[in-house]
C-alpha atoms as a PDB file:
ATOM      1  CA  UNK A   1       0.000   0.000   0.000  1.00  0.00           C
ATOM      2  CA  UNK A   2       1.319   3.442  -0.937  1.00  0.00           C
ATOM      3  CA  UNK A   3       2.284   5.544   2.075  1.00  0.00           C
ATOM      4  CA  UNK A   4       1.122   9.171   1.766  1.00  0.00           C
ATOM      5  CA  UNK A   5       2.244  11.943   4.140  1.00  0.00           C
ATOM      6  CA  UNK A   6      -0.354  14.576   3.254  1.00  0.00           C
ATOM      7  CA  UNK A   7      -1.027  16.720   0.200  1.00  0.00           C
ATOM      8  CA  UNK A   8       0.563  19.967  -0.921  1.00  0.00           C
ATOM      9  CA  UNK A   9       1.260  21.612  -4.270  1.00  0.00           C
ATOM     10  CA  UNK A  10       4.810  21.319  -5.571  1.00  0.00           C
ATOM     11  CA  UNK A  11       4.825  25.055  -6.412  1.00  0.00           C
ATOM     12  CA  UNK A  12       4.966  25.786  -2.680  1.00  0.00           C
ATOM     13  CA  UNK A  13       8.051  23.616  -2.405  1.00  0.00           C
ATOM     14  CA  UNK A  14       9.698  25.789  -5.057  1.00  0.00           C
ATOM     15  CA  UNK A  15       8.681  29.010  -3.269  1.00  0.00           C
ATOM     16  CA  UNK A  16       9.775  27.861   0.186  1.00  0.00           C
ATOM     17  CA  UNK A  17      13.122  26.685  -1.145  1.00  0.00           C
ATOM     18  CA  UNK A  18      13.777  30.081  -2.737  1.00  0.00           C
ATOM     19  CA  UNK A  19      13.213  31.830   0.607  1.00  0.00           C
ATOM     20  CA  UNK A  20      15.578  29.391   2.341  1.00  0.00           C
ATOM     21  CA  UNK A  21      18.163  29.996  -0.352  1.00  0.00           C
ATOM     22  CA  UNK A  22      17.652  33.761  -0.186  1.00  0.00           C
ATOM     23  CA  UNK A  23      18.361  33.833   3.552  1.00  0.00           C
ATOM     24  CA  UNK A  24      21.671  32.047   3.132  1.00  0.00           C
ATOM     25  CA  UNK A  25      22.961  33.329  -0.175  1.00  0.00           C
ATOM     26  CA  UNK A  26      22.868  36.987  -1.317  1.00  0.00           C
ATOM     27  CA  UNK A  27      23.532  35.838  -4.878  1.00  0.00           C
ATOM     28  CA  UNK A  28      20.025  34.339  -5.194  1.00  0.00           C
ATOM     29  CA  UNK A  29      17.826  36.573  -7.376  1.00  0.00           C
ATOM     30  CA  UNK A  30      14.223  35.903  -8.494  1.00  0.00           C
ATOM     31  CA  UNK A  31      12.322  37.206 -11.511  1.00  0.00           C
ATOM     32  CA  UNK A  32       8.582  36.864 -12.119  1.00  0.00           C
ATOM     33  CA  UNK A  33       6.313  37.549 -15.069  1.00  0.00           C
ATOM     34  CA  UNK A  34       3.179  38.948 -13.410  1.00  0.00           C
ATOM     35  CA  UNK A  35       2.371  35.526 -11.980  1.00  0.00           C
ATOM     36  CA  UNK A  36       4.446  35.728  -8.806  1.00  0.00           C
ATOM     37  CA  UNK A  37       1.674  34.745  -6.416  1.00  0.00           C
ATOM     38  CA  UNK A  38       0.417  31.941  -8.667  1.00  0.00           C
ATOM     39  CA  UNK A  39       3.850  30.348  -9.031  1.00  0.00           C
ATOM     40  CA  UNK A  40       4.660  30.918  -5.336  1.00  0.00           C
ATOM     41  CA  UNK A  41       7.577  33.327  -5.651  1.00  0.00           C
ATOM     42  CA  UNK A  42       5.852  36.383  -4.152  1.00  0.00           C
ATOM     43  CA  UNK A  43       7.076  35.377  -0.675  1.00  0.00           C
ATOM     44  CA  UNK A  44      10.662  35.775  -1.848  1.00  0.00           C
ATOM     45  CA  UNK A  45       9.776  39.203  -3.253  1.00  0.00           C
ATOM     46  CA  UNK A  46       8.303  40.313   0.083  1.00  0.00           C
ATOM     47  CA  UNK A  47      11.371  39.219   2.060  1.00  0.00           C
ATOM     48  CA  UNK A  48      14.033  40.291  -0.434  1.00  0.00           C
ATOM     49  CA  UNK A  49      12.541  43.130  -2.543  1.00  0.00           C
ATOM     50  CA  UNK A  50      16.027  44.247  -3.576  1.00  0.00           C
ATOM     51  CA  UNK A  51      16.588  40.866  -5.211  1.00  0.00           C
ATOM     52  CA  UNK A  52      13.211  40.427  -6.888  1.00  0.00           C
ATOM     53  CA  UNK A  53      11.909  41.862 -10.168  1.00  0.00           C
ATOM     54  CA  UNK A  54       8.437  41.532 -11.623  1.00  0.00           C
ATOM     55  CA  UNK A  55       9.065  42.089 -15.325  1.00  0.00           C
ATOM     56  CA  UNK A  56       5.385  41.979 -16.283  1.00  0.00           C
ATOM     57  CA  UNK A  57       4.011  39.678 -18.952  1.00  0.00           C
ATOM     58  CA  UNK A  58       7.296  39.733 -20.826  1.00  0.00           C
ATOM     59  CA  UNK A  59       8.863  36.298 -20.583  1.00  0.00           C
ATOM     60  CA  UNK A  60      11.467  36.926 -23.267  1.00  0.00           C
ATOM     61  CA  UNK A  61      12.713  40.003 -21.413  1.00  0.00           C
ATOM     62  CA  UNK A  62      12.665  38.047 -18.169  1.00  0.00           C
ATOM     63  CA  UNK A  63      15.047  35.418 -19.521  1.00  0.00           C
ATOM     64  CA  UNK A  64      17.255  38.094 -21.061  1.00  0.00           C
ATOM     65  CA  UNK A  65      17.484  39.876 -17.697  1.00  0.00           C
ATOM     66  CA  UNK A  66      18.212  36.570 -15.982  1.00  0.00           C
ATOM     67  CA  UNK A  67      21.070  35.996 -18.411  1.00  0.00           C
ATOM     68  CA  UNK A  68      22.497  39.421 -17.549  1.00  0.00           C
ATOM     69  CA  UNK A  69      22.239  38.731 -13.813  1.00  0.00           C
ATOM     70  CA  UNK A  70      24.050  35.417 -14.300  1.00  0.00           C
ATOM     71  CA  UNK A  71      26.857  37.201 -16.144  1.00  0.00           C
ATOM     72  CA  UNK A  72      27.072  39.614 -13.191  1.00  0.00           C
ATOM     73  CA  UNK A  73      27.576  36.711 -10.781  1.00  0.00           C
ATOM     74  CA  UNK A  74      24.053  36.219  -9.409  1.00  0.00           C
ATOM     75  CA  UNK A  75      22.089  32.947  -9.389  1.00  0.00           C
ATOM     76  CA  UNK A  76      18.806  34.024 -11.020  1.00  0.00           C
ATOM     77  CA  UNK A  77      15.590  32.001 -10.846  1.00  0.00           C
ATOM     78  CA  UNK A  78      13.086  33.050 -13.531  1.00  0.00           C
ATOM     79  CA  UNK A  79       9.648  31.597 -12.864  1.00  0.00           C
ATOM     80  CA  UNK A  80       6.210  31.612 -14.434  1.00  0.00           C
ATOM     81  CA  UNK A  81       3.800  29.098 -15.957  1.00  0.00           C
ATOM     82  CA  UNK A  82       5.803  26.381 -17.692  1.00  0.00           C
ATOM     83  CA  UNK A  83       4.161  26.842 -21.065  1.00  0.00           C
ATOM     84  CA  UNK A  84       5.264  30.482 -21.050  1.00  0.00           C
ATOM     85  CA  UNK A  85       8.608  30.078 -19.260  1.00  0.00           C
ATOM     86  CA  UNK A  86       9.805  27.486 -21.765  1.00  0.00           C
ATOM     87  CA  UNK A  87       7.789  28.231 -24.890  1.00  0.00           C
ATOM     88  CA  UNK A  88       7.746  31.972 -25.449  1.00  0.00           C
ATOM     89  CA  UNK A  89      11.431  32.709 -24.780  1.00  0.00           C
ATOM     90  CA  UNK A  90      12.763  29.434 -26.229  1.00  0.00           C
ATOM     91  CA  UNK A  91      15.157  31.092 -28.669  1.00  0.00           C
ATOM     92  CA  UNK A  92      16.563  33.349 -25.931  1.00  0.00           C
ATOM     93  CA  UNK A  93      17.014  30.319 -23.671  1.00  0.00           C
ATOM     94  CA  UNK A  94      18.778  28.482 -26.501  1.00  0.00           C
ATOM     95  CA  UNK A  95      21.060  31.203 -27.808  1.00  0.00           C
ATOM     96  CA  UNK A  96      21.566  33.603 -24.923  1.00  0.00           C
ATOM     97  CA  UNK A  97      21.555  31.179 -21.981  1.00  0.00           C
ATOM     98  CA  UNK A  98      22.422  27.645 -23.138  1.00  0.00           C
ATOM     99  CA  UNK A  99      24.934  28.547 -25.848  1.00  0.00           C
ATOM    100  CA  UNK A 100      26.854  30.583 -23.267  1.00  0.00           C
ATOM    101  CA  UNK A 101      26.208  27.988 -20.521  1.00  0.00           C
ATOM    102  CA  UNK A 102      24.919  30.707 -18.199  1.00  0.00           C
ATOM    103  CA  UNK A 103      23.928  29.905 -14.644  1.00  0.00           C
ATOM    104  CA  UNK A 104      20.175  30.570 -15.062  1.00  0.00           C
ATOM    105  CA  UNK A 105      17.486  28.512 -13.319  1.00  0.00           C
ATOM    106  CA  UNK A 106      14.023  28.400 -14.897  1.00  0.00           C
ATOM    107  CA  UNK A 107      10.947  27.500 -12.854  1.00  0.00           C
ATOM    108  CA  UNK A 108       8.128  26.064 -14.969  1.00  0.00           C
ATOM    109  CA  UNK A 109       4.995  26.010 -12.842  1.00  0.00           C
ATOM    110  CA  UNK A 110       1.451  24.815 -13.650  1.00  0.00           C
ATOM    111  CA  UNK A 111       2.760  21.815 -15.546  1.00  0.00           C
ATOM    112  CA  UNK A 112       0.685  19.238 -17.359  1.00  0.00           C
ATOM    113  CA  UNK A 113      -3.078  18.803 -17.394  1.00  0.00           C
ATOM    114  CA  UNK A 114      -3.502  19.581 -13.695  1.00  0.00           C
ATOM    115  CA  UNK A 115      -3.960  23.290 -14.481  1.00  0.00           C
ATOM    116  CA  UNK A 116      -7.463  22.061 -15.274  1.00  0.00           C
ATOM    117  CA  UNK A 117      -9.992  24.805 -16.061  1.00  0.00           C
ATOM    118  CA  UNK A 118      -7.290  27.140 -17.447  1.00  0.00           C
ATOM    119  CA  UNK A 119      -7.419  24.987 -20.559  1.00  0.00           C
ATOM    120  CA  UNK A 120      -5.045  24.074 -23.352  1.00  0.00           C
ATOM    121  CA  UNK A 121      -3.375  27.500 -23.604  1.00  0.00           C
ATOM    122  CA  UNK A 122      -2.060  27.244 -20.038  1.00  0.00           C
ATOM    123  CA  UNK A 123      -1.386  23.514 -19.845  1.00  0.00           C
ATOM    124  CA  UNK A 124       2.299  22.764 -20.319  1.00  0.00           C
ATOM    125  CA  UNK A 125       2.538  19.398 -22.090  1.00  0.00           C
ATOM    126  CA  UNK A 126       5.558  20.010 -24.328  1.00  0.00           C
ATOM    127  CA  UNK A 127       8.270  21.707 -22.249  1.00  0.00           C
ATOM    128  CA  UNK A 128      10.147  18.593 -21.163  1.00  0.00           C
ATOM    129  CA  UNK A 129      10.745  17.929 -24.864  1.00  0.00           C
ATOM    130  CA  UNK A 130      11.804  21.445 -25.841  1.00  0.00           C
ATOM    131  CA  UNK A 131      14.000  21.902 -22.783  1.00  0.00           C
ATOM    132  CA  UNK A 132      15.790  18.568 -22.890  1.00  0.00           C
ATOM    133  CA  UNK A 133      16.767  19.038 -26.537  1.00  0.00           C
ATOM    134  CA  UNK A 134      18.854  22.096 -25.628  1.00  0.00           C
ATOM    135  CA  UNK A 135      22.587  21.477 -25.115  1.00  0.00           C
ATOM    136  CA  UNK A 136      23.775  22.298 -21.546  1.00  0.00           C
ATOM    137  CA  UNK A 137      20.212  22.372 -20.151  1.00  0.00           C
ATOM    138  CA  UNK A 138      19.367  20.133 -17.182  1.00  0.00           C
ATOM    139  CA  UNK A 139      15.707  19.108 -16.667  1.00  0.00           C
ATOM    140  CA  UNK A 140      14.306  18.155 -13.250  1.00  0.00           C
ATOM    141  CA  UNK A 141      10.717  16.984 -12.628  1.00  0.00           C
ATOM    142  CA  UNK A 142      10.243  16.367  -8.874  1.00  0.00           C
ATOM    143  CA  UNK A 143       7.449  14.110  -7.671  1.00  0.00           C
ATOM    144  CA  UNK A 144       6.082  15.988  -4.643  1.00  0.00           C
ATOM    145  CA  UNK A 145       6.342  19.057  -2.407  1.00  0.00           C
ATOM    146  CA  UNK A 146       9.350  17.830  -0.414  1.00  0.00           C
ATOM    147  CA  UNK A 147      11.282  16.723  -3.472  1.00  0.00           C
ATOM    148  CA  UNK A 148      10.588  20.049  -5.196  1.00  0.00           C
ATOM    149  CA  UNK A 149      12.212  21.884  -2.275  1.00  0.00           C
ATOM    150  CA  UNK A 150      15.235  19.630  -2.489  1.00  0.00           C
ATOM    151  CA  UNK A 151      15.456  19.981  -6.267  1.00  0.00           C
ATOM    152  CA  UNK A 152      15.302  23.774  -6.074  1.00  0.00           C
ATOM    153  CA  UNK A 153      18.008  24.018  -3.413  1.00  0.00           C
ATOM    154  CA  UNK A 154      20.234  21.503  -5.193  1.00  0.00           C
ATOM    155  CA  UNK A 155      19.556  23.102  -8.569  1.00  0.00           C
ATOM    156  CA  UNK A 156      20.813  26.470  -7.365  1.00  0.00           C
ATOM    157  CA  UNK A 157      24.326  25.086  -7.131  1.00  0.00           C
ATOM    158  CA  UNK A 158      24.429  22.892 -10.229  1.00  0.00           C
ATOM    159  CA  UNK A 159      26.470  24.943 -12.708  1.00  0.00           C
ATOM    160  CA  UNK A 160      24.757  26.100 -15.891  1.00  0.00           C
ATOM    161  CA  UNK A 161      21.118  26.301 -17.016  1.00  0.00           C
ATOM    162  CA  UNK A 162      18.503  24.170 -15.324  1.00  0.00           C
ATOM    163  CA  UNK A 163      14.715  23.780 -15.776  1.00  0.00           C
ATOM    164  CA  UNK A 164      12.547  22.717 -12.818  1.00  0.00           C
ATOM    165  CA  UNK A 165       9.013  21.553 -13.653  1.00  0.00           C
ATOM    166  CA  UNK A 166       6.347  21.740 -10.930  1.00  0.00           C
ATOM    167  CA  UNK A 167       2.565  21.988 -10.563  1.00  0.00           C
ATOM    168  CA  UNK A 168      -0.352  23.958  -9.188  1.00  0.00           C
ATOM    169  CA  UNK A 169      -2.718  21.422  -7.625  1.00  0.00           C
ATOM    170  CA  UNK A 170      -2.277  19.751  -4.271  1.00  0.00           C
ATOM    171  CA  UNK A 171      -0.766  16.324  -4.868  1.00  0.00           C
ATOM    172  CA  UNK A 172       0.208  13.467  -2.524  1.00  0.00           C
ATOM    173  CA  UNK A 173       3.479  13.763  -0.591  1.00  0.00           C
ATOM    174  CA  UNK A 174       5.198  10.390  -0.979  1.00  0.00           C
ATOM    175  CA  UNK A 175       8.786  11.167   0.069  1.00  0.00           C
ATOM    176  CA  UNK A 176      10.287  12.204   3.400  1.00  0.00           C
ATOM    177  CA  UNK A 177      12.934  14.692   4.397  1.00  0.00           C
ATOM    178  CA  UNK A 178      15.388  11.825   4.792  1.00  0.00           C
ATOM    179  CA  UNK A 179      14.626  10.340   1.363  1.00  0.00           C
ATOM    180  CA  UNK A 180      17.820  10.642  -0.707  1.00  0.00           C
ATOM    181  CA  UNK A 181      17.820  13.192  -3.516  1.00  0.00           C
ATOM    182  CA  UNK A 182      20.609  13.840  -5.957  1.00  0.00           C
ATOM    183  CA  UNK A 183      20.183  15.499  -9.342  1.00  0.00           C
ATOM    184  CA  UNK A 184      20.897  12.892 -12.009  1.00  0.00           C
ATOM    185  CA  UNK A 185      20.391   9.886  -9.733  1.00  0.00           C
ATOM    186  CA  UNK A 186      17.089   7.962  -9.808  1.00  0.00           C
ATOM    187  CA  UNK A 187      15.397   6.531  -6.692  1.00  0.00           C
ATOM    188  CA  UNK A 188      13.936   3.027  -6.543  1.00  0.00           C
ATOM    189  CA  UNK A 189      10.786   3.494  -4.452  1.00  0.00           C
ATOM    190  CA  UNK A 190       9.591  -0.083  -4.704  1.00  0.00           C
ATOM    191  CA  UNK A 191      11.581  -3.115  -5.701  1.00  0.00           C
ATOM    192  CA  UNK A 192      10.292  -5.707  -8.154  1.00  0.00           C
ATOM    193  CA  UNK A 193      11.457  -8.107 -10.834  1.00  0.00           C
ATOM    194  CA  UNK A 194       8.654  -8.611 -13.375  1.00  0.00           C
ATOM    195  CA  UNK A 195       8.417  -5.130 -14.895  1.00  0.00           C
ATOM    196  CA  UNK A 196       9.967  -1.718 -14.189  1.00  0.00           C
ATOM    197  CA  UNK A 197       7.700   1.326 -14.042  1.00  0.00           C
ATOM    198  CA  UNK A 198       9.638   4.568 -14.483  1.00  0.00           C
ATOM    199  CA  UNK A 199       7.876   7.855 -13.834  1.00  0.00           C
ATOM    200  CA  UNK A 200       8.503  11.532 -13.187  1.00  0.00           C
ATOM    201  CA  UNK A 201       6.505  14.292 -11.481  1.00  0.00           C
ATOM    202  CA  UNK A 202       2.911  13.625 -10.511  1.00  0.00           C
ATOM    203  CA  UNK A 203       2.992  10.255 -12.243  1.00  0.00           C
ATOM    204  CA  UNK A 204       5.305   8.742  -9.623  1.00  0.00           C
ATOM    205  CA  UNK A 205       2.376   8.449  -7.202  1.00  0.00           C
ATOM    206  CA  UNK A 206       0.225   6.904  -9.928  1.00  0.00           C
ATOM    207  CA  UNK A 207       3.045   4.447 -10.680  1.00  0.00           C
ATOM    208  CA  UNK A 208       3.138   3.345  -7.037  1.00  0.00           C
ATOM    209  CA  UNK A 209      -0.640   2.888  -7.072  1.00  0.00           C
ATOM    210  CA  UNK A 210      -0.319   0.879 -10.284  1.00  0.00           C
ATOM    211  CA  UNK A 211       2.197  -1.421  -8.583  1.00  0.00           C
ATOM    212  CA  UNK A 212      -0.419  -2.141  -5.909  1.00  0.00           C
ATOM    213  CA  UNK A 213      -2.939  -3.069  -8.623  1.00  0.00           C
ATOM    214  CA  UNK A 214      -0.410  -5.342 -10.304  1.00  0.00           C
ATOM    215  CA  UNK A 215       0.553  -7.011  -7.020  1.00  0.00           C
ATOM    216  CA  UNK A 216      -3.029  -8.210  -6.616  1.00  0.00           C
ATOM    217  CA  UNK A 217      -2.637  -9.936  -9.986  1.00  0.00           C
ATOM    218  CA  UNK A 218       0.605 -11.596  -8.988  1.00  0.00           C
ATOM    219  CA  UNK A 219       2.823  -9.171 -10.905  1.00  0.00           C
ATOM    220  CA  UNK A 220       5.839  -7.792  -9.046  1.00  0.00           C
ATOM    221  CA  UNK A 221       6.591  -4.282 -10.350  1.00  0.00           C
ATOM    222  CA  UNK A 222       9.639  -2.132  -9.616  1.00  0.00           C
ATOM    223  CA  UNK A 223       8.836   1.590  -9.352  1.00  0.00           C
ATOM    224  CA  UNK A 224      11.581   4.101 -10.086  1.00  0.00           C
ATOM    225  CA  UNK A 225      11.305   7.839  -9.459  1.00  0.00           C
ATOM    226  CA  UNK A 226      13.204   9.404 -12.368  1.00  0.00           C
ATOM    227  CA  UNK A 227      13.104  12.969 -11.058  1.00  0.00           C
ATOM    228  CA  UNK A 228      15.919  14.036 -13.362  1.00  0.00           C
ATOM    229  CA  UNK A 229      15.021  13.708 -17.033  1.00  0.00           C
ATOM    230  CA  UNK A 230      18.340  15.203 -18.152  1.00  0.00           C
ATOM    231  CA  UNK A 231      20.976  14.053 -17.407  1.00  0.00           C
ATOM    232  CA  UNK A 232      19.037  10.804 -17.128  1.00  0.00           C
ATOM    233  CA  UNK A 233      20.281   8.011 -14.872  1.00  0.00           C
ATOM    234  CA  UNK A 234      21.288   5.490 -17.544  1.00  0.00           C
ATOM    235  CA  UNK A 235      22.718   3.055 -15.013  1.00  0.00           C
ATOM    236  CA  UNK A 236      19.367   2.764 -13.214  1.00  0.00           C
ATOM    237  CA  UNK A 237      17.633   2.195 -16.562  1.00  0.00           C
ATOM    238  CA  UNK A 238      20.120  -0.454 -17.707  1.00  0.00           C
ATOM    239  CA  UNK A 239      19.915  -2.249 -14.356  1.00  0.00           C
ATOM    240  CA  UNK A 240      16.110  -2.285 -14.511  1.00  0.00           C
ATOM    241  CA  UNK A 241      16.128  -3.511 -18.106  1.00  0.00           C
ATOM    242  CA  UNK A 242      18.449  -6.401 -17.238  1.00  0.00           C
ATOM    243  CA  UNK A 243      16.682  -7.395 -14.021  1.00  0.00           C
ATOM    244  CA  UNK A 244      13.038  -6.822 -15.015  1.00  0.00           C
ATOM    245  CA  UNK A 245      13.102  -7.377 -18.790  1.00  0.00           C
ATOM    246  CA  UNK A 246      10.297  -4.914 -19.560  1.00  0.00           C
ATOM    247  CA  UNK A 247       9.703  -1.203 -18.930  1.00  0.00           C
ATOM    248  CA  UNK A 248       6.714   1.147 -18.713  1.00  0.00           C
ATOM    249  CA  UNK A 249       7.216   4.915 -18.576  1.00  0.00           C
ATOM    250  CA  UNK A 250       4.654   7.396 -17.253  1.00  0.00           C
ATOM    251  CA  UNK A 251       4.580  11.162 -17.686  1.00  0.00           C
ATOM    252  CA  UNK A 252       2.064  14.044 -17.559  1.00  0.00           C
ATOM    253  CA  UNK A 253       3.365  15.295 -20.900  1.00  0.00           C
ATOM    254  CA  UNK A 254       3.254  14.552 -24.612  1.00  0.00           C
ATOM    255  CA  UNK A 255       4.563  11.086 -25.447  1.00  0.00           C
ATOM    256  CA  UNK A 256       6.654  12.379 -28.328  1.00  0.00           C
ATOM    257  CA  UNK A 257      10.166  13.490 -27.335  1.00  0.00           C
ATOM    258  CA  UNK A 258       9.383  13.606 -23.642  1.00  0.00           C
ATOM    259  CA  UNK A 259      10.480  11.584 -20.619  1.00  0.00           C
ATOM    260  CA  UNK A 260       9.550   8.207 -22.098  1.00  0.00           C
ATOM    261  CA  UNK A 261      11.566   8.988 -25.203  1.00  0.00           C
ATOM    262  CA  UNK A 262      14.582   9.824 -23.026  1.00  0.00           C
ATOM    263  CA  UNK A 263      14.295   6.437 -21.299  1.00  0.00           C
ATOM    264  CA  UNK A 264      13.847   4.675 -24.663  1.00  0.00           C
ATOM    265  CA  UNK A 265      17.034   6.277 -26.004  1.00  0.00           C
ATOM    266  CA  UNK A 266      18.975   4.785 -23.108  1.00  0.00           C
ATOM    267  CA  UNK A 267      17.262   1.401 -23.465  1.00  0.00           C
ATOM    268  CA  UNK A 268      17.828   0.869 -27.196  1.00  0.00           C
ATOM    269  CA  UNK A 269      21.432   2.046 -26.897  1.00  0.00           C
ATOM    270  CA  UNK A 270      22.380  -0.210 -23.994  1.00  0.00           C
ATOM    271  CA  UNK A 271      19.996  -3.131 -23.375  1.00  0.00           C
ATOM    272  CA  UNK A 272      16.840  -3.305 -25.565  1.00  0.00           C
ATOM    273  CA  UNK A 273      13.717  -4.687 -23.872  1.00  0.00           C
ATOM    274  CA  UNK A 274       9.985  -4.269 -24.635  1.00  0.00           C
ATOM    275  CA  UNK A 275       8.569  -0.893 -23.573  1.00  0.00           C
ATOM    276  CA  UNK A 276       5.159   0.749 -23.230  1.00  0.00           C
ATOM    277  CA  UNK A 277       4.508   4.463 -22.749  1.00  0.00           C
ATOM    278  CA  UNK A 278       1.823   6.273 -20.733  1.00  0.00           C
ATOM    279  CA  UNK A 279       1.342   9.964 -21.505  1.00  0.00           C
ATOM    280  CA  UNK A 280      -0.639  12.393 -23.653  1.00  0.00           C
ATOM    281  CA  UNK A 281      -0.872  11.015 -27.154  1.00  0.00           C
ATOM    282  CA  UNK A 282      -0.368  13.841 -29.679  1.00  0.00           C
ATOM    283  CA  UNK A 283      -3.273  16.048 -28.613  1.00  0.00           C
ATOM    284  CA  UNK A 284      -3.805  19.296 -26.745  1.00  0.00           C
ATOM    285  CA  UNK A 285      -5.403  19.494 -23.332  1.00  0.00           C
ATOM    286  CA  UNK A 286      -8.790  21.028 -22.619  1.00  0.00           C
ATOM    287  CA  UNK A 287     -10.681  22.747 -19.813  1.00  0.00           C
ATOM    288  CA  UNK A 288     -11.937  20.540 -17.034  1.00  0.00           C
ATOM    289  CA  UNK A 289     -11.429  19.500 -13.458  1.00  0.00           C
ATOM    290  CA  UNK A 290      -7.782  18.407 -13.054  1.00  0.00           C
ATOM    291  CA  UNK A 291      -8.402  14.892 -11.841  1.00  0.00           C
ATOM    292  CA  UNK A 292     -11.191  14.340 -14.396  1.00  0.00           C
ATOM    293  CA  UNK A 293      -8.704  15.280 -17.134  1.00  0.00           C
ATOM    294  CA  UNK A 294      -6.157  12.812 -15.794  1.00  0.00           C
ATOM    295  CA  UNK A 295      -8.774  10.099 -16.178  1.00  0.00           C
ATOM    296  CA  UNK A 296      -9.886  11.251 -19.630  1.00  0.00           C
ATOM    297  CA  UNK A 297      -6.327  11.402 -20.964  1.00  0.00           C
ATOM    298  CA  UNK A 298      -5.383   8.022 -19.558  1.00  0.00           C
ATOM    299  CA  UNK A 299      -2.900   9.185 -16.924  1.00  0.00           C
ATOM    300  CA  UNK A 300      -4.064   7.131 -13.973  1.00  0.00           C
ATOM    301  CA  UNK A 301      -2.801   4.096 -12.097  1.00  0.00           C
ATOM    302  CA  UNK A 302      -5.138   1.788 -14.019  1.00  0.00           C
ATOM    303  CA  UNK A 303      -3.629   2.957 -17.316  1.00  0.00           C
ATOM    304  CA  UNK A 304      -0.105   2.282 -16.074  1.00  0.00           C
ATOM    305  CA  UNK A 305      -1.131  -1.145 -14.791  1.00  0.00           C
ATOM    306  CA  UNK A 306      -2.755  -1.953 -18.150  1.00  0.00           C
ATOM    307  CA  UNK A 307       0.426  -0.879 -19.962  1.00  0.00           C
ATOM    308  CA  UNK A 308       2.452  -3.152 -17.696  1.00  0.00           C
ATOM    309  CA  UNK A 309       0.234  -6.134 -18.465  1.00  0.00           C
ATOM    310  CA  UNK A 310       0.503  -5.316 -22.165  1.00  0.00           C
ATOM    311  CA  UNK A 311       4.297  -5.096 -22.175  1.00  0.00           C
ATOM    312  CA  UNK A 312       4.607  -8.346 -20.223  1.00  0.00           C
ATOM    313  CA  UNK A 313       3.008 -10.180 -23.182  1.00  0.00           C
ATOM    314  CA  UNK A 314       6.029  -9.136 -25.280  1.00  0.00           C
ATOM    315  CA  UNK A 315       8.663  -9.930 -22.675  1.00  0.00           C
END
């Protein structure tokens, strides 16, 4: 049975971590794009107004200013909704930040379908793909509130550009303060030998629930929290492929070029095994209640369990 330690939105983990960082390190600087309260960075602005800028709805300018602050020796965090943080200023991120390997951290809030009623325009379902394709960029997708705090603190001191993806809705807390976290190193949350379920972000909880469903059918599933999509933990993937012989990936994101594709690249290169993929299949989101959308788009535990049973037939 999956152990849950409450519910809290991952965006608050990002915001709390920034305040902790700000107290200890005068180099921490935060930029917002008229969404500071929504993406939980307004608290930093209240405590450190001299190190906070609201640029308005001008994401391209925000990333350009962050690049300048990085050149001046600061550690800037630029945060807004993920679809706008990654999509609108993509060329500036590519050419100004990544090409120069600048120390800019980008917070992409309101990820995936869980933005719900805001609809397709505000649902970020493509940014893992467009961020991980950029040379030098690191991509982190923490699974809960506690892990988002850890990822933000750790990310501050990983050299170069880094994208942190987090969400708006309250989601289950499934890790503890003492749970290990290291950027680039996956965590096995549940051991198993029949099939490996690899997930990132909100889908880690669903993957654990899916393992419970499979256990009742006599299937022993390993669940791996792949919180870092880039650089991905190839050793954990290879080990799972060898020991389990089949893999299912789960992500709240487009299937094409996303997290599952990153895992597949490592699998086919090192130790090919059958794979199945759970995610959004080449379609936009829509308005609706967040958890209703997760059901409609096939992003629930039952979908992961069904994918596991399907892949086992090809093992």
